[in-house]
Amino acid sequence: MASDFEIVLCTCPDKETAKKLARLLVEKKMAACVNILPGITSIYEWQGKIESTQEHLLLIKSSCGHYRLIESEIFRHHPYEIPEIIAVPIERGLPEYLDWINSCLSSN
């Protein structure tokens, strides 16, 4: 059973950026909760070179209807030229938890 909820993934270069974005999304009621996973290593190609960087990963819990707002807010405040912003649908979840997510979000 599919739901109207998703987890948005976003990597950040440091803890301060991660906390700033997480707080901003929760304060603006675009996300119910944002987990910050520190110390991940990202290996990727950028401008023809293989890079390896330590980053922090945001797990942003929200609704599908808030994705565009989240994308816009992250893009506006993120230091990367092209930040990772990927949404993964939540197919199932504890109904009470999903209700809680919904109760925390703005109705925009």
PDB file of N, CA and C in Angstrom:
ATOM      1  N   MET A   1       0.846  -1.188   0.000  1.00  0.00           N
ATOM      2  CA  MET A   1       0.000   0.000   0.000  1.00  0.00           C
ATOM      3  C   MET A   1       0.888   1.247   0.000  1.00  0.00           C
ATOM      4  N   ALA A   2       0.854   1.989  -1.071  1.00  0.00           N
ATOM      5  CA  ALA A   2       1.657   3.206  -1.184  1.00  0.00           C
ATOM      6  C   ALA A   2       1.047   4.311  -0.327  1.00  0.00           C
ATOM      7  N   SER A   3       1.899   5.206   0.111  1.00  0.00           N
ATOM      8  CA  SER A   3       1.410   6.331   0.908  1.00  0.00           C
ATOM      9  C   SER A   3       1.802   7.634   0.231  1.00  0.00           C
ATOM     10  N   ASP A   4       1.424   8.724   0.836  1.00  0.00           N
ATOM     11  CA  ASP A   4       1.749  10.044   0.320  1.00  0.00           C
ATOM     12  C   ASP A   4       3.003  10.609   0.973  1.00  0.00           C
ATOM     13  N   PHE A   5       3.809   9.746   1.567  1.00  0.00           N
ATOM     14  CA  PHE A   5       4.979  10.194   2.309  1.00  0.00           C
ATOM     15  C   PHE A   5       6.257   9.755   1.627  1.00  0.00           C
ATOM     16  N   GLU A   6       7.353  10.482   1.930  1.00  0.00           N
ATOM     17  CA  GLU A   6       8.639  10.153   1.339  1.00  0.00           C
ATOM     18  C   GLU A   6       9.762  10.569   2.271  1.00  0.00           C
ATOM     19  N   ILE A   7      10.928  10.016   1.979  1.00  0.00           N
ATOM     20  CA  ILE A   7      12.161  10.427   2.640  1.00  0.00           C
ATOM     21  C   ILE A   7      13.002  11.101   1.573  1.00  0.00           C
ATOM     22  N   VAL A   8      13.431  12.317   1.852  1.00  0.00           N
ATOM     23  CA  VAL A   8      14.293  13.054   0.933  1.00  0.00           C
ATOM     24  C   VAL A   8      15.715  12.944   1.464  1.00  0.00           C
ATOM     25  N   LEU A   9      16.631  12.567   0.595  1.00  0.00           N
ATOM     26  CA  LEU A   9      18.037  12.426   0.954  1.00  0.00           C
ATOM     27  C   LEU A   9      18.810  13.635   0.449  1.00  0.00           C
ATOM     28  N   CYS A  10      19.710  14.129   1.292  1.00  0.00           N
ATOM     29  CA  CYS A  10      20.541  15.268   0.899  1.00  0.00           C
ATOM     30  C   CYS A  10      21.865  15.176   1.644  1.00  0.00           C
ATOM     31  N   THR A  11      22.979  15.214   0.920  1.00  0.00           N
ATOM     32  CA  THR A  11      24.288  15.218   1.567  1.00  0.00           C
ATOM     33  C   THR A  11      24.742  16.659   1.784  1.00  0.00           C
ATOM     34  N   CYS A  12      25.470  16.854   2.871  1.00  0.00           N
ATOM     35  CA  CYS A  12      25.981  18.179   3.249  1.00  0.00           C
ATOM     36  C   CYS A  12      27.481  18.072   3.529  1.00  0.00           C
ATOM     37  N   PRO A  13      28.215  19.154   3.293  1.00  0.00           N
ATOM     38  CA  PRO A  13      29.665  19.103   3.459  1.00  0.00           C
ATOM     39  C   PRO A  13      30.138  19.074   4.911  1.00  0.00           C
ATOM     40  N   ASP A  14      29.285  19.524   5.851  1.00  0.00           N
ATOM     41  CA  ASP A  14      29.714  19.596   7.251  1.00  0.00           C
ATOM     42  C   ASP A  14      28.490  19.596   8.171  1.00  0.00           C
ATOM     43  N   LYS A  15      28.775  19.435   9.454  1.00  0.00           N
ATOM     44  CA  LYS A  15      27.724  19.356  10.463  1.00  0.00           C
ATOM     45  C   LYS A  15      26.908  20.642  10.555  1.00  0.00           C
ATOM     46  N   GLU A  16      27.568  21.779  10.453  1.00  0.00           N
ATOM     47  CA  GLU A  16      26.875  23.057  10.578  1.00  0.00           C
ATOM     48  C   GLU A  16      25.852  23.246   9.458  1.00  0.00           C
ATOM     49  N   THR A  17      26.243  22.941   8.230  1.00  0.00           N
ATOM     50  CA  THR A  17      25.314  23.036   7.100  1.00  0.00           C
ATOM     51  C   THR A  17      24.151  22.067   7.291  1.00  0.00           C
ATOM     52  N   ALA A  18      24.452  20.851   7.707  1.00  0.00           N
ATOM     53  CA  ALA A  18      23.410  19.837   7.915  1.00  0.00           C
ATOM     54  C   ALA A  18      22.408  20.301   8.968  1.00  0.00           C
ATOM     55  N   LYS A  19      22.897  20.814  10.097  1.00  0.00           N
ATOM     56  CA  LYS A  19      22.006  21.282  11.164  1.00  0.00           C
ATOM     57  C   LYS A  19      21.178  22.487  10.717  1.00  0.00           C
ATOM     58  N   LYS A  20      21.808  23.391   9.985  1.00  0.00           N
ATOM     59  CA  LYS A  20      21.107  24.578   9.503  1.00  0.00           C
ATOM     60  C   LYS A  20      19.947  24.187   8.579  1.00  0.00           C
ATOM     61  N   LEU A  21      20.219  23.313   7.617  1.00  0.00           N
ATOM     62  CA  LEU A  21      19.170  22.886   6.684  1.00  0.00           C
ATOM     63  C   LEU A  21      18.074  22.091   7.396  1.00  0.00           C
ATOM     64  N   ALA A  22      18.467  21.203   8.296  1.00  0.00           N
ATOM     65  CA  ALA A  22      17.489  20.394   9.026  1.00  0.00           C
ATOM     66  C   ALA A  22      16.559  21.284   9.839  1.00  0.00           C
ATOM     67  N   ARG A  23      17.117  22.202  10.595  1.00  0.00           N
ATOM     68  CA  ARG A  23      16.315  23.109  11.419  1.00  0.00           C
ATOM     69  C   ARG A  23      15.390  23.960  10.558  1.00  0.00           C
ATOM     70  N   LEU A  24      15.908  24.468   9.446  1.00  0.00           N
ATOM     71  CA  LEU A  24      15.122  25.305   8.539  1.00  0.00           C
ATOM     72  C   LEU A  24      13.893  24.550   8.019  1.00  0.00           C
ATOM     73  N   LEU A  25      14.093  23.313   7.592  1.00  0.00           N
ATOM     74  CA  LEU A  25      12.981  22.526   7.042  1.00  0.00           C
ATOM     75  C   LEU A  25      11.931  22.196   8.093  1.00  0.00           C
ATOM     76  N   VAL A  26      12.374  21.902   9.307  1.00  0.00           N
ATOM     77  CA  VAL A  26      11.418  21.592  10.379  1.00  0.00           C
ATOM     78  C   VAL A  26      10.702  22.866  10.838  1.00  0.00           C
ATOM     79  N   GLU A  27      11.438  23.955  11.002  1.00  0.00           N
ATOM     80  CA  GLU A  27      10.812  25.216  11.427  1.00  0.00           C
ATOM     81  C   GLU A  27       9.780  25.712  10.422  1.00  0.00           C
ATOM     82  N   LYS A  28      10.045  25.510   9.135  1.00  0.00           N
ATOM     83  CA  LYS A  28       9.113  25.955   8.093  1.00  0.00           C
ATOM     84  C   LYS A  28       8.011  24.923   7.823  1.00  0.00           C
ATOM     85  N   LYS A  29       7.980  23.859   8.638  1.00  0.00           N
ATOM     86  CA  LYS A  29       6.969  22.808   8.549  1.00  0.00           C
ATOM     87  C   LYS A  29       6.931  22.134   7.181  1.00  0.00           C
ATOM     88  N   MET A  30       8.120  21.998   6.573  1.00  0.00           N
ATOM     89  CA  MET A  30       8.261  21.248   5.336  1.00  0.00           C
ATOM     90  C   MET A  30       8.626  19.799   5.632  1.00  0.00           C
ATOM     91  N   ALA A  31       9.170  19.569   6.829  1.00  0.00           N
ATOM     92  CA  ALA A  31       9.570  18.234   7.263  1.00  0.00           C
ATOM     93  C   ALA A  31       9.148  18.037   8.710  1.00  0.00           C
ATOM     94  N   ALA A  32       8.771  16.815   9.033  1.00  0.00           N
ATOM     95  CA  ALA A  32       8.415  16.500  10.416  1.00  0.00           C
ATOM     96  C   ALA A  32       9.664  16.206  11.238  1.00  0.00           C
ATOM     97  N   CYS A  33      10.635  15.584  10.604  1.00  0.00           N
ATOM     98  CA  CYS A  33      11.846  15.160  11.304  1.00  0.00           C
ATOM     99  C   CYS A  33      12.966  15.055  10.275  1.00  0.00           C
ATOM    100  N   VAL A  34      14.171  15.421  10.694  1.00  0.00           N
ATOM    101  CA  VAL A  34      15.345  15.244   9.840  1.00  0.00           C
ATOM    102  C   VAL A  34      16.423  14.576  10.683  1.00  0.00           C
ATOM    103  N   ASN A  35      16.856  13.402  10.240  1.00  0.00           N
ATOM    104  CA  ASN A  35      17.981  12.729  10.881  1.00  0.00           C
ATOM    105  C   ASN A  35      19.249  13.156  10.175  1.00  0.00           C
ATOM    106  N   ILE A  36      20.307  13.360  10.952  1.00  0.00           N
ATOM    107  CA  ILE A  36      21.614  13.707  10.399  1.00  0.00           C
ATOM    108  C   ILE A  36      22.553  12.539  10.676  1.00  0.00           C
ATOM    109  N   LEU A  37      23.029  11.915   9.600  1.00  0.00           N
ATOM    110  CA  LEU A  37      23.965  10.806   9.720  1.00  0.00           C
ATOM    111  C   LEU A  37      25.359  11.335   9.394  1.00  0.00           C
ATOM    112  N   PRO A  38      26.224  11.461  10.411  1.00  0.00           N
ATOM    113  CA  PRO A  38      27.561  12.020  10.184  1.00  0.00           C
ATOM    114  C   PRO A  38      28.539  10.973   9.663  1.00  0.00           C
ATOM    115  N   GLY A  39      29.629  11.466   9.133  1.00  0.00           N
ATOM    116  CA  GLY A  39      30.766  10.599   8.825  1.00  0.00           C
ATOM    117  C   GLY A  39      30.587   9.647   7.666  1.00  0.00           C
ATOM    118  N   ILE A  40      29.767   9.987   6.679  1.00  0.00           N
ATOM    119  CA  ILE A  40      29.677   9.118   5.512  1.00  0.00           C
ATOM    120  C   ILE A  40      30.774   9.526   4.523  1.00  0.00           C
ATOM    121  N   THR A  41      31.242   8.577   3.765  1.00  0.00           N
ATOM    122  CA  THR A  41      32.225   8.852   2.727  1.00  0.00           C
ATOM    123  C   THR A  41      31.535   8.739   1.382  1.00  0.00           C
ATOM    124  N   SER A  42      31.597   9.791   0.604  1.00  0.00           N
ATOM    125  CA  SER A  42      31.021   9.789  -0.737  1.00  0.00           C
ATOM    126  C   SER A  42      32.147   9.753  -1.760  1.00  0.00           C
ATOM    127  N   ILE A  43      32.028   8.839  -2.711  1.00  0.00           N
ATOM    128  CA  ILE A  43      32.980   8.742  -3.814  1.00  0.00           C
ATOM    129  C   ILE A  43      32.187   8.958  -5.081  1.00  0.00           C
ATOM    130  N   TYR A  44      32.612   9.936  -5.876  1.00  0.00           N
ATOM    131  CA  TYR A  44      31.828  10.333  -7.039  1.00  0.00           C
ATOM    132  C   TYR A  44      32.735  11.000  -8.075  1.00  0.00           C
ATOM    133  N   GLU A  45      32.219  11.109  -9.302  1.00  0.00           N
ATOM    134  CA  GLU A  45      32.940  11.834 -10.331  1.00  0.00           C
ATOM    135  C   GLU A  45      32.387  13.246 -10.408  1.00  0.00           C
ATOM    136  N   TRP A  46      33.285  14.230 -10.423  1.00  0.00           N
ATOM    137  CA  TRP A  46      32.885  15.630 -10.545  1.00  0.00           C
ATOM    138  C   TRP A  46      33.895  16.334 -11.442  1.00  0.00           C
ATOM    139  N   GLN A  47      33.413  16.907 -12.502  1.00  0.00           N
ATOM    140  CA  GLN A  47      34.224  17.657 -13.467  1.00  0.00           C
ATOM    141  C   GLN A  47      35.415  16.834 -13.959  1.00  0.00           C
ATOM    142  N   GLY A  48      35.134  15.564 -14.286  1.00  0.00           N
ATOM    143  CA  GLY A  48      36.138  14.691 -14.873  1.00  0.00           C
ATOM    144  C   GLY A  48      37.105  14.038 -13.914  1.00  0.00           C
ATOM    145  N   LYS A  49      36.935  14.265 -12.598  1.00  0.00           N
ATOM    146  CA  LYS A  49      37.842  13.676 -11.607  1.00  0.00           C
ATOM    147  C   LYS A  49      37.054  12.843 -10.599  1.00  0.00           C
ATOM    148  N   ILE A  50      37.669  11.772 -10.116  1.00  0.00           N
ATOM    149  CA  ILE A  50      37.079  10.972  -9.049  1.00  0.00           C
ATOM    150  C   ILE A  50      37.401  11.662  -7.729  1.00  0.00           C
ATOM    151  N   GLU A  51      36.368  11.971  -6.963  1.00  0.00           N
ATOM    152  CA  GLU A  51      36.501  12.673  -5.686  1.00  0.00           C
ATOM    153  C   GLU A  51      36.103  11.743  -4.541  1.00  0.00           C
ATOM    154  N   SER A  52      36.637  11.995  -3.366  1.00  0.00           N
ATOM    155  CA  SER A  52      36.263  11.295  -2.139  1.00  0.00           C
ATOM    156  C   SER A  52      36.112  12.350  -1.048  1.00  0.00           C
ATOM    157  N   THR A  53      34.921  12.408  -0.456  1.00  0.00           N
ATOM    158  CA  THR A  53      34.615  13.472   0.489  1.00  0.00           C
ATOM    159  C   THR A  53      33.876  12.919   1.699  1.00  0.00           C
ATOM    160  N   GLN A  54      34.190  13.467   2.871  1.00  0.00           N
ATOM    161  CA  GLN A  54      33.424  13.162   4.075  1.00  0.00           C
ATOM    162  C   GLN A  54      32.216  14.093   4.102  1.00  0.00           C
ATOM    163  N   GLU A  55      31.030  13.537   4.313  1.00  0.00           N
ATOM    164  CA  GLU A  55      29.812  14.333   4.308  1.00  0.00           C
ATOM    165  C   GLU A  55      28.888  13.897   5.438  1.00  0.00           C
ATOM    166  N   HIS A  56      27.803  14.651   5.586  1.00  0.00           N
ATOM    167  CA  HIS A  56      26.710  14.316   6.497  1.00  0.00           C
ATOM    168  C   HIS A  56      25.471  14.109   5.632  1.00  0.00           C
ATOM    169  N   LEU A  57      24.710  13.066   5.920  1.00  0.00           N
ATOM    170  CA  LEU A  57      23.517  12.751   5.143  1.00  0.00           C
ATOM    171  C   LEU A  57      22.268  13.136   5.918  1.00  0.00           C
ATOM    172  N   LEU A  58      21.392  13.887   5.276  1.00  0.00           N
ATOM    173  CA  LEU A  58      20.092  14.220   5.856  1.00  0.00           C
ATOM    174  C   LEU A  58      19.060  13.206   5.383  1.00  0.00           C
ATOM    175  N   LEU A  59      18.267  12.687   6.323  1.00  0.00           N
ATOM    176  CA  LEU A  59      17.096  11.861   6.025  1.00  0.00           C
ATOM    177  C   LEU A  59      15.890  12.703   6.425  1.00  0.00           C
ATOM    178  N   ILE A  60      15.222  13.255   5.437  1.00  0.00           N
ATOM    179  CA  ILE A  60      14.157  14.227   5.650  1.00  0.00           C
ATOM    180  C   ILE A  60      12.815  13.527   5.487  1.00  0.00           C
ATOM    181  N   LYS A  61      12.023  13.460   6.566  1.00  0.00           N
ATOM    182  CA  LYS A  61      10.713  12.808   6.516  1.00  0.00           C
ATOM    183  C   LYS A  61       9.640  13.839   6.249  1.00  0.00           C
ATOM    184  N   SER A  62       8.887  13.623   5.148  1.00  0.00           N
ATOM    185  CA  SER A  62       7.888  14.591   4.750  1.00  0.00           C
ATOM    186  C   SER A  62       6.817  13.917   3.895  1.00  0.00           C
ATOM    187  N   SER A  63       6.006  14.748   3.272  1.00  0.00           N
ATOM    188  CA  SER A  63       4.991  14.236   2.348  1.00  0.00           C
ATOM    189  C   SER A  63       5.423  14.525   0.920  1.00  0.00           C
ATOM    190  N   CYS A  64       4.891  13.762  -0.013  1.00  0.00           N
ATOM    191  CA  CYS A  64       5.199  13.974  -1.430  1.00  0.00           C
ATOM    192  C   CYS A  64       4.802  15.381  -1.862  1.00  0.00           C
ATOM    193  N   GLY A  65       3.735  15.903  -1.286  1.00  0.00           N
ATOM    194  CA  GLY A  65       3.260  17.234  -1.641  1.00  0.00           C
ATOM    195  C   GLY A  65       4.192  18.357  -1.239  1.00  0.00           C
ATOM    196  N   HIS A  66       5.138  18.091  -0.350  1.00  0.00           N
ATOM    197  CA  HIS A  66       6.085  19.113   0.099  1.00  0.00           C
ATOM    198  C   HIS A  66       7.421  19.045  -0.644  1.00  0.00           C
ATOM    199  N   TYR A  67       7.560  18.071  -1.552  1.00  0.00           N
ATOM    200  CA  TYR A  67       8.865  17.880  -2.202  1.00  0.00           C
ATOM    201  C   TYR A  67       9.374  19.145  -2.888  1.00  0.00           C
ATOM    202  N   ARG A  68       8.583  19.785  -3.698  1.00  0.00           N
ATOM    203  CA  ARG A  68       9.048  20.965  -4.446  1.00  0.00           C
ATOM    204  C   ARG A  68       9.519  22.080  -3.510  1.00  0.00           C
ATOM    205  N   LEU A  69       8.802  22.276  -2.396  1.00  0.00           N
ATOM    206  CA  LEU A  69       9.219  23.285  -1.417  1.00  0.00           C
ATOM    207  C   LEU A  69      10.564  22.917  -0.796  1.00  0.00           C
ATOM    208  N   ILE A  70      10.716  21.642  -0.445  1.00  0.00           N
ATOM    209  CA  ILE A  70      11.973  21.165   0.144  1.00  0.00           C
ATOM    210  C   ILE A  70      13.114  21.334  -0.846  1.00  0.00           C
ATOM    211  N   GLU A  71      12.884  20.917  -2.076  1.00  0.00           N
ATOM    212  CA  GLU A  71      13.916  21.036  -3.113  1.00  0.00           C
ATOM    213  C   GLU A  71      14.356  22.495  -3.275  1.00  0.00           C
ATOM    214  N   SER A  72      13.390  23.382  -3.357  1.00  0.00           N
ATOM    215  CA  SER A  72      13.685  24.802  -3.537  1.00  0.00           C
ATOM    216  C   SER A  72      14.462  25.371  -2.347  1.00  0.00           C
ATOM    217  N   GLU A  73      14.042  25.017  -1.142  1.00  0.00           N
ATOM    218  CA  GLU A  73      14.690  25.532   0.070  1.00  0.00           C
ATOM    219  C   GLU A  73      16.122  25.019   0.183  1.00  0.00           C
ATOM    220  N   ILE A  74      16.321  23.735  -0.074  1.00  0.00           N
ATOM    221  CA  ILE A  74      17.679  23.186  -0.020  1.00  0.00           C
ATOM    222  C   ILE A  74      18.548  23.850  -1.079  1.00  0.00           C
ATOM    223  N   PHE A  75      18.048  23.931  -2.302  1.00  0.00           N
ATOM    224  CA  PHE A  75      18.827  24.506  -3.398  1.00  0.00           C
ATOM    225  C   PHE A  75      19.228  25.951  -3.082  1.00  0.00           C
ATOM    226  N   ARG A  76      18.331  26.692  -2.466  1.00  0.00           N
ATOM    227  CA  ARG A  76      18.590  28.094  -2.133  1.00  0.00           C
ATOM    228  C   ARG A  76      19.674  28.248  -1.059  1.00  0.00           C
ATOM    229  N   HIS A  77      19.736  27.318  -0.094  1.00  0.00           N
ATOM    230  CA  HIS A  77      20.623  27.483   1.060  1.00  0.00           C
ATOM    231  C   HIS A  77      21.835  26.549   1.066  1.00  0.00           C
ATOM    232  N   HIS A  78      21.930  25.645   0.113  1.00  0.00           N
ATOM    233  CA  HIS A  78      23.008  24.648   0.106  1.00  0.00           C
ATOM    234  C   HIS A  78      24.260  25.221  -0.549  1.00  0.00           C
ATOM    235  N   PRO A  79      25.447  24.932  -0.005  1.00  0.00           N
ATOM    236  CA  PRO A  79      26.672  25.483  -0.588  1.00  0.00           C
ATOM    237  C   PRO A  79      27.134  24.790  -1.874  1.00  0.00           C
ATOM    238  N   TYR A  80      26.638  23.585  -2.157  1.00  0.00           N
ATOM    239  CA  TYR A  80      27.065  22.893  -3.371  1.00  0.00           C
ATOM    240  C   TYR A  80      26.408  23.511  -4.605  1.00  0.00           C
ATOM    241  N   GLU A  81      27.138  23.493  -5.705  1.00  0.00           N
ATOM    242  CA  GLU A  81      26.594  23.966  -6.982  1.00  0.00           C
ATOM    243  C   GLU A  81      25.391  23.118  -7.398  1.00  0.00           C
ATOM    244  N   ILE A  82      25.514  21.800  -7.252  1.00  0.00           N
ATOM    245  CA  ILE A  82      24.418  20.878  -7.550  1.00  0.00           C
ATOM    246  C   ILE A  82      24.281  19.928  -6.359  1.00  0.00           C
ATOM    247  N   PRO A  83      23.437  20.270  -5.381  1.00  0.00           N
ATOM    248  CA  PRO A  83      23.292  19.393  -4.213  1.00  0.00           C
ATOM    249  C   PRO A  83      22.512  18.126  -4.545  1.00  0.00           C
ATOM    250  N   GLU A  84      22.824  17.073  -3.812  1.00  0.00           N
ATOM    251  CA  GLU A  84      22.041  15.843  -3.925  1.00  0.00           C
ATOM    252  C   GLU A  84      20.691  16.088  -3.262  1.00  0.00           C
ATOM    253  N   ILE A  85      19.628  15.925  -4.020  1.00  0.00           N
ATOM    254  CA  ILE A  85      18.268  16.008  -3.487  1.00  0.00           C
ATOM    255  C   ILE A  85      17.485  14.888  -4.177  1.00  0.00           C
ATOM    256  N   ILE A  86      17.260  13.799  -3.448  1.00  0.00           N
ATOM    257  CA  ILE A  86      16.617  12.613  -4.002  1.00  0.00           C
ATOM    258  C   ILE A  86      15.488  12.190  -3.071  1.00  0.00           C
ATOM    259  N   ALA A  87      14.314  11.957  -3.627  1.00  0.00           N
ATOM    260  CA  ALA A  87      13.167  11.525  -2.828  1.00  0.00           C
ATOM    261  C   ALA A  87      12.899  10.040  -3.054  1.00  0.00           C
ATOM    262  N   VAL A  88      12.651   9.342  -1.948  1.00  0.00           N
ATOM    263  CA  VAL A  88      12.321   7.924  -1.981  1.00  0.00           C
ATOM    264  C   VAL A  88      10.954   7.757  -1.320  1.00  0.00           C
ATOM    265  N   PRO A  89       9.997   7.158  -2.015  1.00  0.00           N
ATOM    266  CA  PRO A  89       8.668   7.016  -1.416  1.00  0.00           C
ATOM    267  C   PRO A  89       8.683   6.056  -0.230  1.00  0.00           C
ATOM    268  N   ILE A  90       7.863   6.362   0.750  1.00  0.00           N
ATOM    269  CA  ILE A  90       7.644   5.457   1.879  1.00  0.00           C
ATOM    270  C   ILE A  90       6.452   4.582   1.489  1.00  0.00           C
ATOM    271  N   GLU A  91       6.707   3.322   1.232  1.00  0.00           N
ATOM    272  CA  GLU A  91       5.646   2.413   0.788  1.00  0.00           C
ATOM    273  C   GLU A  91       4.746   1.978   1.934  1.00  0.00           C
ATOM    274  N   ARG A  92       5.340   1.780   3.089  1.00  0.00           N
ATOM    275  CA  ARG A  92       4.586   1.364   4.272  1.00  0.00           C
ATOM    276  C   ARG A  92       5.202   2.009   5.495  1.00  0.00           C
ATOM    277  N   GLY A  93       4.403   2.156   6.539  1.00  0.00           N
ATOM    278  CA  GLY A  93       4.904   2.696   7.791  1.00  0.00           C
ATOM    279  C   GLY A  93       3.835   2.559   8.867  1.00  0.00           C
ATOM    280  N   LEU A  94       4.261   2.663  10.093  1.00  0.00           N
ATOM    281  CA  LEU A  94       3.322   2.621  11.203  1.00  0.00           C
ATOM    282  C   LEU A  94       2.313   3.743  11.004  1.00  0.00           C
ATOM    283  N   PRO A  95       1.028   3.449  10.903  1.00  0.00           N
ATOM    284  CA  PRO A  95       0.039   4.491  10.637  1.00  0.00           C
ATOM    285  C   PRO A  95       0.118   5.668  11.606  1.00  0.00           C
ATOM    286  N   GLU A  96       0.357   5.397  12.869  1.00  0.00           N
ATOM    287  CA  GLU A  96       0.452   6.478  13.858  1.00  0.00           C
ATOM    288  C   GLU A  96       1.653   7.383  13.572  1.00  0.00           C
ATOM    289  N   TYR A  97       2.752   6.790  13.113  1.00  0.00           N
ATOM    290  CA  TYR A  97       3.936   7.592  12.775  1.00  0.00           C
ATOM    291  C   TYR A  97       3.670   8.444  11.542  1.00  0.00           C
ATOM    292  N   LEU A  98       3.035   7.872  10.542  1.00  0.00           N
ATOM    293  CA  LEU A  98       2.701   8.632   9.342  1.00  0.00           C
ATOM    294  C   LEU A  98       1.707   9.749   9.662  1.00  0.00           C
ATOM    295  N   ASP A  99       0.764   9.477  10.560  1.00  0.00           N
ATOM    296  CA  ASP A  99      -0.164  10.532  11.002  1.00  0.00           C
ATOM    297  C   ASP A  99       0.606  11.657  11.692  1.00  0.00           C
ATOM    298  N   TRP A 100       1.605  11.281  12.504  1.00  0.00           N
ATOM    299  CA  TRP A 100       2.416  12.289  13.186  1.00  0.00           C
ATOM    300  C   TRP A 100       3.165  13.152  12.175  1.00  0.00           C
ATOM    301  N   ILE A 101       3.774  12.511  11.159  1.00  0.00           N
ATOM    302  CA  ILE A 101       4.458  13.293  10.113  1.00  0.00           C
ATOM    303  C   ILE A 101       3.476  14.309   9.542  1.00  0.00           C
ATOM    304  N   ASN A 102       2.317  13.832   9.160  1.00  0.00           N
ATOM    305  CA  ASN A 102       1.306  14.702   8.541  1.00  0.00           C
ATOM    306  C   ASN A 102       0.910  15.858   9.465  1.00  0.00           C
ATOM    307  N   SER A 103       0.806  15.581  10.756  1.00  0.00           N
ATOM    308  CA  SER A 103       0.389  16.619  11.712  1.00  0.00           C
ATOM    309  C   SER A 103       1.429  17.723  11.886  1.00  0.00           C
ATOM    310  N   CYS A 104       2.690  17.412  11.558  1.00  0.00           N
ATOM    311  CA  CYS A 104       3.781  18.380  11.719  1.00  0.00           C
ATOM    312  C   CYS A 104       3.978  19.285  10.518  1.00  0.00           C
ATOM    313  N   LEU A 105       3.367  18.946   9.395  1.00  0.00           N
ATOM    314  CA  LEU A 105       3.599  19.673   8.148  1.00  0.00           C
ATOM    315  C   LEU A 105       2.605  20.784   7.936  1.00  0.00           C
ATOM    316  N   SER A 106       3.062  21.808   7.216  1.00  0.00           N
ATOM    317  CA  SER A 106       2.153  22.897   6.846  1.00  0.00           C
ATOM    318  C   SER A 106       1.153  22.371   5.837  1.00  0.00           C
ATOM    319  N   SER A 107       0.048  23.036   5.713  1.00  0.00           N
ATOM    320  CA  SER A 107      -0.983  22.598   4.770  1.00  0.00           C
ATOM    321  C   SER A 107      -0.788  23.203   3.396  1.00  0.00           C
ATOM    322  N   ASN A 108       0.343  23.871   3.153  1.00  0.00           N
ATOM    323  CA  ASN A 108       0.613  24.490   1.839  1.00  0.00           C
ATOM    324  C   ASN A 108       0.851  23.441   0.791  1.00  0.00           C
TER     325      ASN A 108
END
